[in-house]
Amino acid sequence: LSPNSDSLSRSVMLLSLDAAPTDCLTWMGRQLQTNSPPFVVVASPDLMDLEWPIREAGAAAFVHDEIAGDRLARLCRRLLSSCGERADAVNTRVR
């Protein structure tokens, strides 16, 4: 799927920085040029030094510790809600 695909318009991407740091950073660098869905980066405390560069690359959230499923779900719902509001605002302006 392309980052601009309609199927991604109400999505949240979850990136595990520890699993593939180089791939995650490369992907984030590419997203600066696109209208990508919001993304959350999960990393171990060892990678906390990368939080602000990752946020500057567009991450909606940076989690540097274990996160319970219900907390992650709340975060994703909040981000999805804001995606819908942005999409509604764009649709309203276009009409």
N, C-alpha and C. Protein backbone atom coordinates (compact mmCIF):
# COMPACT_ATOMS: atom_id res chain seq x y z
N LEU A 1 0.83 -1.19 0.00
CA LEU A 1 0.00 0.00 0.00
C LEU A 1 0.86 1.24 0.00
N SER A 2 0.44 2.22 -0.71
CA SER A 2 1.18 3.48 -0.68
C SER A 2 0.75 4.28 0.54
N PRO A 3 1.62 5.16 1.05
CA PRO A 3 1.27 5.95 2.24
C PRO A 3 0.05 6.82 2.03
N ASN A 4 -0.31 7.14 0.79
CA ASN A 4 -1.46 8.00 0.52
C ASN A 4 -2.71 7.21 0.24
N SER A 5 -2.66 5.90 0.38
CA SER A 5 -3.79 5.04 0.09
C SER A 5 -4.98 5.36 0.99
N ASP A 6 -6.19 5.32 0.42
CA ASP A 6 -7.40 5.56 1.22
C ASP A 6 -7.51 4.57 2.37
N SER A 7 -7.00 3.35 2.19
CA SER A 7 -7.11 2.36 3.26
C SER A 7 -6.25 2.71 4.46
N LEU A 8 -5.30 3.62 4.29
CA LEU A 8 -4.46 4.05 5.41
C LEU A 8 -4.94 5.36 6.02
N SER A 9 -6.00 5.95 5.48
CA SER A 9 -6.42 7.26 5.96
C SER A 9 -6.89 7.23 7.41
N ARG A 10 -7.35 6.09 7.89
CA ARG A 10 -7.77 5.96 9.29
C ARG A 10 -6.96 4.86 9.94
N SER A 11 -5.65 4.98 9.87
CA SER A 11 -4.73 3.98 10.41
C SER A 11 -3.73 4.63 11.35
N VAL A 12 -3.17 3.80 12.20
CA VAL A 12 -2.04 4.21 13.03
C VAL A 12 -0.96 3.16 12.81
N MET A 13 0.24 3.61 12.50
CA MET A 13 1.36 2.69 12.31
C MET A 13 2.08 2.55 13.65
N LEU A 14 2.48 1.33 13.98
CA LEU A 14 3.21 1.05 15.20
C LEU A 14 4.58 0.52 14.80
N LEU A 15 5.64 1.21 15.22
CA LEU A 15 7.00 0.83 14.86
C LEU A 15 7.75 0.40 16.12
N SER A 16 8.38 -0.76 16.04
CA SER A 16 9.22 -1.24 17.14
C SER A 16 10.67 -0.92 16.79
N LEU A 17 11.18 0.13 17.39
CA LEU A 17 12.53 0.60 17.08
C LEU A 17 13.58 -0.46 17.41
N ASP A 18 13.39 -1.20 18.49
CA ASP A 18 14.37 -2.22 18.88
C ASP A 18 14.44 -3.36 17.87
N ALA A 19 13.31 -3.67 17.24
CA ALA A 19 13.27 -4.80 16.31
C ALA A 19 14.08 -4.54 15.05
N ALA A 20 14.03 -3.31 14.55
CA ALA A 20 14.73 -2.98 13.30
C ALA A 20 15.02 -1.49 13.25
N PRO A 21 15.99 -1.01 14.04
CA PRO A 21 16.23 0.44 14.13
C PRO A 21 16.52 1.11 12.79
N THR A 22 17.35 0.51 11.99
CA THR A 22 17.71 1.12 10.70
C THR A 22 16.50 1.21 9.79
N ASP A 23 15.72 0.13 9.71
CA ASP A 23 14.53 0.13 8.87
C ASP A 23 13.52 1.17 9.34
N CYS A 24 13.32 1.27 10.65
CA CYS A 24 12.38 2.25 11.20
C CYS A 24 12.82 3.67 10.87
N LEU A 25 14.10 3.97 11.08
CA LEU A 25 14.59 5.32 10.82
C LEU A 25 14.52 5.66 9.34
N THR A 26 14.81 4.69 8.48
CA THR A 26 14.70 4.90 7.03
C THR A 26 13.27 5.18 6.64
N TRP A 27 12.33 4.38 7.17
CA TRP A 27 10.91 4.57 6.87
C TRP A 27 10.45 5.95 7.33
N MET A 28 10.84 6.35 8.55
CA MET A 28 10.43 7.66 9.07
C MET A 28 10.97 8.79 8.18
N GLY A 29 12.20 8.64 7.71
CA GLY A 29 12.77 9.66 6.82
C GLY A 29 11.97 9.82 5.55
N ARG A 30 11.45 8.73 5.03
CA ARG A 30 10.62 8.78 3.82
C ARG A 30 9.27 9.44 4.08
N GLN A 31 8.76 9.30 5.29
CA GLN A 31 7.43 9.82 5.61
C GLN A 31 7.39 11.34 5.67
N LEU A 32 8.55 11.97 5.83
CA LEU A 32 8.60 13.42 5.86
C LEU A 32 8.09 14.02 4.55
N GLN A 33 8.18 13.25 3.48
CA GLN A 33 7.76 13.73 2.15
C GLN A 33 6.34 13.31 1.78
N THR A 34 5.67 12.59 2.66
CA THR A 34 4.34 12.06 2.32
C THR A 34 3.31 12.45 3.37
N ASN A 35 2.09 12.15 3.05
CA ASN A 35 0.99 12.37 3.99
C ASN A 35 0.68 11.03 4.66
N SER A 36 1.58 10.56 5.51
CA SER A 36 1.45 9.24 6.11
C SER A 36 0.50 9.29 7.30
N PRO A 37 -0.03 8.11 7.66
CA PRO A 37 -0.86 8.07 8.87
C PRO A 37 0.03 8.33 10.09
N PRO A 38 -0.57 8.69 11.22
CA PRO A 38 0.24 8.91 12.42
C PRO A 38 0.97 7.62 12.80
N PHE A 39 2.14 7.76 13.36
CA PHE A 39 2.85 6.56 13.79
C PHE A 39 3.36 6.72 15.21
N VAL A 40 3.37 5.58 15.91
CA VAL A 40 3.83 5.48 17.28
C VAL A 40 5.10 4.65 17.27
N VAL A 41 6.13 5.13 17.94
CA VAL A 41 7.39 4.40 18.03
C VAL A 41 7.53 3.85 19.45
N VAL A 42 7.77 2.55 19.54
CA VAL A 42 8.00 1.88 20.82
C VAL A 42 9.46 1.48 20.85
N ALA A 43 10.15 1.86 21.93
CA ALA A 43 11.58 1.56 22.04
C ALA A 43 11.94 1.26 23.48
N SER A 44 13.04 0.58 23.66
CA SER A 44 13.53 0.30 25.01
C SER A 44 14.10 1.58 25.61
N PRO A 45 14.21 1.63 26.93
CA PRO A 45 14.80 2.82 27.57
C PRO A 45 16.21 3.13 27.06
N ASP A 46 16.92 2.12 26.55
CA ASP A 46 18.27 2.34 26.01
C ASP A 46 18.27 3.30 24.82
N LEU A 47 17.13 3.42 24.13
CA LEU A 47 17.05 4.25 22.94
C LEU A 47 16.35 5.59 23.19
N MET A 48 16.18 5.94 24.47
CA MET A 48 15.51 7.19 24.82
C MET A 48 16.17 8.43 24.20
N ASP A 49 17.48 8.36 23.96
CA ASP A 49 18.18 9.50 23.37
C ASP A 49 17.65 9.85 21.97
N LEU A 50 16.97 8.90 21.34
CA LEU A 50 16.44 9.15 20.00
C LEU A 50 15.03 9.74 20.01
N GLU A 51 14.46 9.94 21.20
CA GLU A 51 13.07 10.40 21.26
C GLU A 51 12.83 11.69 20.47
N TRP A 52 13.60 12.73 20.71
CA TRP A 52 13.31 14.01 20.05
C TRP A 52 13.60 13.99 18.57
N PRO A 53 14.69 13.37 18.10
CA PRO A 53 14.84 13.26 16.64
C PRO A 53 13.69 12.48 16.00
N ILE A 54 13.20 11.46 16.70
CA ILE A 54 12.10 10.67 16.16
C ILE A 54 10.81 11.50 16.16
N ARG A 55 10.57 12.25 17.20
CA ARG A 55 9.39 13.14 17.22
C ARG A 55 9.49 14.18 16.11
N GLU A 56 10.69 14.73 15.89
CA GLU A 56 10.88 15.70 14.81
C GLU A 56 10.67 15.07 13.44
N ALA A 57 10.87 13.76 13.35
CA ALA A 57 10.63 13.05 12.09
C ALA A 57 9.15 12.76 11.90
N GLY A 58 8.33 13.16 12.87
CA GLY A 58 6.89 13.04 12.68
C GLY A 58 6.16 12.06 13.56
N ALA A 59 6.85 11.40 14.48
CA ALA A 59 6.17 10.43 15.34
C ALA A 59 5.11 11.13 16.19
N ALA A 60 3.93 10.55 16.23
CA ALA A 60 2.85 11.10 17.06
C ALA A 60 3.08 10.79 18.52
N ALA A 61 3.80 9.72 18.79
CA ALA A 61 4.11 9.33 20.17
C ALA A 61 5.38 8.50 20.19
N PHE A 62 6.08 8.58 21.31
CA PHE A 62 7.29 7.79 21.53
C PHE A 62 7.13 7.13 22.89
N VAL A 63 7.08 5.82 22.89
CA VAL A 63 6.91 5.06 24.14
C VAL A 63 8.23 4.37 24.43
N HIS A 64 8.87 4.73 25.56
CA HIS A 64 10.20 4.19 25.85
C HIS A 64 10.17 3.20 27.01
N ASP A 65 9.08 2.54 27.15
CA ASP A 65 8.94 1.54 28.21
C ASP A 65 7.88 0.56 27.75
N GLU A 66 7.70 -0.50 28.51
CA GLU A 66 6.61 -1.42 28.17
C GLU A 66 5.30 -0.68 28.30
N ILE A 67 4.36 -1.01 27.43
CA ILE A 67 3.06 -0.36 27.47
C ILE A 67 1.99 -1.45 27.46
N ALA A 68 1.06 -1.33 28.37
CA ALA A 68 -0.03 -2.31 28.45
C ALA A 68 -0.92 -2.16 27.22
N GLY A 69 -1.55 -3.24 26.84
CA GLY A 69 -2.40 -3.25 25.66
C GLY A 69 -3.53 -2.24 25.73
N ASP A 70 -4.15 -2.09 26.90
CA ASP A 70 -5.26 -1.15 27.01
C ASP A 70 -4.77 0.29 26.86
N ARG A 71 -3.59 0.58 27.37
CA ARG A 71 -3.02 1.93 27.23
C ARG A 71 -2.66 2.22 25.77
N LEU A 72 -2.09 1.22 25.09
CA LEU A 72 -1.75 1.38 23.68
C LEU A 72 -3.02 1.55 22.86
N ALA A 73 -4.06 0.80 23.19
CA ALA A 73 -5.34 0.92 22.48
C ALA A 73 -5.93 2.32 22.66
N ARG A 74 -5.86 2.88 23.87
CA ARG A 74 -6.37 4.24 24.11
C ARG A 74 -5.60 5.26 23.28
N LEU A 75 -4.27 5.10 23.24
CA LEU A 75 -3.44 5.99 22.45
C LEU A 75 -3.82 5.93 20.97
N CYS A 76 -3.98 4.72 20.46
CA CYS A 76 -4.35 4.55 19.05
C CYS A 76 -5.74 5.12 18.76
N ARG A 77 -6.69 4.90 19.67
CA ARG A 77 -8.04 5.47 19.47
C ARG A 77 -7.99 6.99 19.44
N ARG A 78 -7.18 7.58 20.32
CA ARG A 78 -7.05 9.04 20.34
C ARG A 78 -6.46 9.53 19.02
N LEU A 79 -5.43 8.85 18.52
CA LEU A 79 -4.82 9.24 17.25
C LEU A 79 -5.79 9.04 16.09
N LEU A 80 -6.53 7.94 16.11
CA LEU A 80 -7.52 7.71 15.05
C LEU A 80 -8.60 8.78 15.08
N SER A 81 -9.00 9.17 16.26
CA SER A 81 -10.00 10.22 16.40
C SER A 81 -9.49 11.52 15.79
N SER A 82 -8.24 11.85 16.05
CA SER A 82 -7.69 13.08 15.49
C SER A 82 -7.54 12.98 13.98
N CYS A 83 -7.29 11.77 13.45
CA CYS A 83 -7.22 11.57 11.99
C CYS A 83 -8.57 11.88 11.38
N GLY A 84 -9.62 11.39 12.02
CA GLY A 84 -10.97 11.63 11.52
C GLY A 84 -11.32 13.09 11.53
N GLU A 85 -10.91 13.81 12.57
CA GLU A 85 -11.18 15.24 12.65
C GLU A 85 -10.45 15.98 11.55
N ARG A 86 -9.18 15.61 11.31
CA ARG A 86 -8.43 16.26 10.23
C ARG A 86 -9.05 15.94 8.89
N ALA A 87 -9.46 14.68 8.67
CA ALA A 87 -10.08 14.30 7.41
C ALA A 87 -11.39 15.04 7.23
N ASP A 88 -12.19 15.17 8.29
CA ASP A 88 -13.45 15.90 8.20
C ASP A 88 -13.20 17.36 7.86
N ALA A 89 -12.17 17.96 8.47
CA ALA A 89 -11.85 19.36 8.19
C ALA A 89 -11.45 19.55 6.73
N VAL A 90 -10.66 18.61 6.20
CA VAL A 90 -10.25 18.69 4.80
C VAL A 90 -11.47 18.52 3.90
N ASN A 91 -12.32 17.53 4.21
CA ASN A 91 -13.52 17.31 3.39
C ASN A 91 -14.44 18.52 3.43
N THR A 92 -14.54 19.16 4.58
CA THR A 92 -15.39 20.33 4.71
C THR A 92 -14.87 21.46 3.84
N ARG A 93 -13.56 21.65 3.81
CA ARG A 93 -12.99 22.73 3.01
C ARG A 93 -13.13 22.45 1.53
N VAL A 94 -13.03 21.18 1.13
CA VAL A 94 -13.09 20.83 -0.27
C VAL A 94 -14.48 21.00 -0.83
N ARG A 95 -15.51 20.72 -0.04
CA ARG A 95 -16.90 20.79 -0.52
C ARG A 95 -17.30 22.15 -0.85
